[in-house]
Every structure is written in structure tokens, then in C-alpha cells.
């Protein structure tokens, strides 16, 4: 079984816990990844990304009318796909 644990390092306890895990972790057992905001491109083309519930909530609660238009976003995605093939 695999587990995903979210640690908020903005608090002292969270930072201490992360330091403890890093100190006692074994690379084959523990994988520490920093949280990042998911983008519309990540949603359209996941690329082995498994967003947590927190990431989904943050993505869906964002204010609208920010960022690129749909046409520009799709053009960027098409260009990225063309470069890969």
C-alpha cells in the first residue's frame, strides 16, 4: 500500500516533522515531493500527476478570468504535443 501525507511546513511542528522524515527516510521507501499548484494543462494532460484533494479544491476555488484564454492554452498544449512527437 502507498500513502500520501500532506505536511504544512508553514508551522513549526510541520517543519520539524518534515526534517524528522528526511533524517530517517530511506530513498526506496519514502518519496518527498513539494506541493505545487496544478495548472489547466495538468488537468487536460495529467502526465502521471495524481492531484491531492487539497490541490483539486485549490484549483476549483480559484477566481476566474485569470491567466490565458482557452485558445492560447490549447495552442500551447498542441505545440507541446507536436514537440514530443
Protein backbone atom coordinates (compact mmCIF):
# COMPACT_ATOMS: atom_id res chain seq x y z
CA UNK A 1 0.00 0.00 0.00
CA UNK A 2 1.03 3.57 -0.63
CA UNK A 3 0.03 6.55 1.45
CA UNK A 4 0.09 10.26 0.73
CA UNK A 5 0.70 12.52 3.70
CA UNK A 6 0.34 16.27 3.46
CA UNK A 7 2.53 18.30 5.79
CA UNK A 8 2.08 22.05 6.16
CA UNK A 9 5.59 23.41 6.69
CA UNK A 10 4.35 26.93 7.48
CA UNK A 11 4.12 25.85 11.13
CA UNK A 12 6.99 24.87 13.42
CA UNK A 13 5.56 21.38 14.04
CA UNK A 14 5.22 20.71 10.31
CA UNK A 15 8.80 21.79 9.64
CA UNK A 16 10.09 19.58 12.48
CA UNK A 17 8.11 16.60 11.18
CA UNK A 18 9.47 17.04 7.65
CA UNK A 19 13.04 17.27 8.99
CA UNK A 20 12.48 14.08 11.02
CA UNK A 21 11.14 12.22 7.97
CA UNK A 22 14.07 13.38 5.82
CA UNK A 23 16.54 12.34 8.51
CA UNK A 24 15.09 8.84 8.95
CA UNK A 25 13.86 8.11 5.44
CA UNK A 26 15.16 5.53 3.06
CA UNK A 27 15.09 6.52 -0.60
CA UNK A 28 13.38 3.32 -1.75
CA UNK A 29 10.62 3.70 0.83
CA UNK A 30 9.90 7.41 1.17
CA UNK A 31 9.37 9.88 -1.66
CA UNK A 32 9.14 13.52 -0.63
CA UNK A 33 7.66 15.88 -3.20
CA UNK A 34 6.92 19.55 -2.75
CA UNK A 35 3.31 20.57 -3.33
CA UNK A 36 2.60 22.67 -6.39
CA UNK A 37 -0.50 24.24 -7.78
CA UNK A 38 -1.99 22.31 -10.67
CA UNK A 39 -2.43 24.12 -13.96
CA UNK A 40 -5.11 23.77 -16.62
CA UNK A 41 -2.54 21.91 -18.75
CA UNK A 42 -2.05 19.41 -15.89
CA UNK A 43 -5.80 18.82 -15.81
CA UNK A 44 -6.05 18.40 -19.59
CA UNK A 45 -2.91 16.25 -19.90
CA UNK A 46 -2.17 14.73 -16.47
CA UNK A 47 1.35 13.42 -17.27
CA UNK A 48 1.25 10.93 -14.36
CA UNK A 49 0.10 13.64 -11.96
CA UNK A 50 -2.18 12.49 -9.16
CA UNK A 51 -3.53 15.66 -7.51
CA UNK A 52 -4.50 15.50 -3.88
CA UNK A 53 -7.92 16.63 -2.69
CA UNK A 54 -6.31 19.81 -1.42
CA UNK A 55 -4.84 20.59 -4.84
CA UNK A 56 -8.19 19.95 -6.53
CA UNK A 57 -10.00 22.19 -4.04
CA UNK A 58 -7.47 24.96 -4.59
CA UNK A 59 -7.71 24.59 -8.38
CA UNK A 60 -11.52 24.61 -8.44
CA UNK A 61 -11.82 27.52 -5.97
CA UNK A 62 -9.55 29.88 -7.92
CA UNK A 63 -11.09 33.11 -9.13
CA UNK A 64 -11.99 33.01 -12.80
CA UNK A 65 -10.82 35.35 -15.56
CA UNK A 66 -7.15 34.99 -14.77
CA UNK A 67 -4.43 33.57 -16.96
CA UNK A 68 -4.60 32.64 -20.63
CA UNK A 69 -7.66 32.40 -22.79
CA UNK A 70 -8.77 28.93 -23.81
CA UNK A 71 -7.45 29.38 -27.36
CA UNK A 72 -3.98 30.33 -26.13
CA UNK A 73 -3.91 27.46 -23.64
CA UNK A 74 -4.93 24.90 -26.28
CA UNK A 75 -2.38 26.31 -28.74
CA UNK A 76 0.35 25.90 -26.12
CA UNK A 77 -0.78 22.33 -25.42
CA UNK A 78 -0.82 21.50 -29.16
CA UNK A 79 2.68 22.95 -29.55
CA UNK A 80 3.92 20.88 -26.61
CA UNK A 81 2.42 17.72 -28.10
CA UNK A 82 3.96 18.44 -31.52
CA UNK A 83 7.39 18.84 -29.97
CA UNK A 84 7.07 15.46 -28.24
CA UNK A 85 6.10 13.52 -31.38
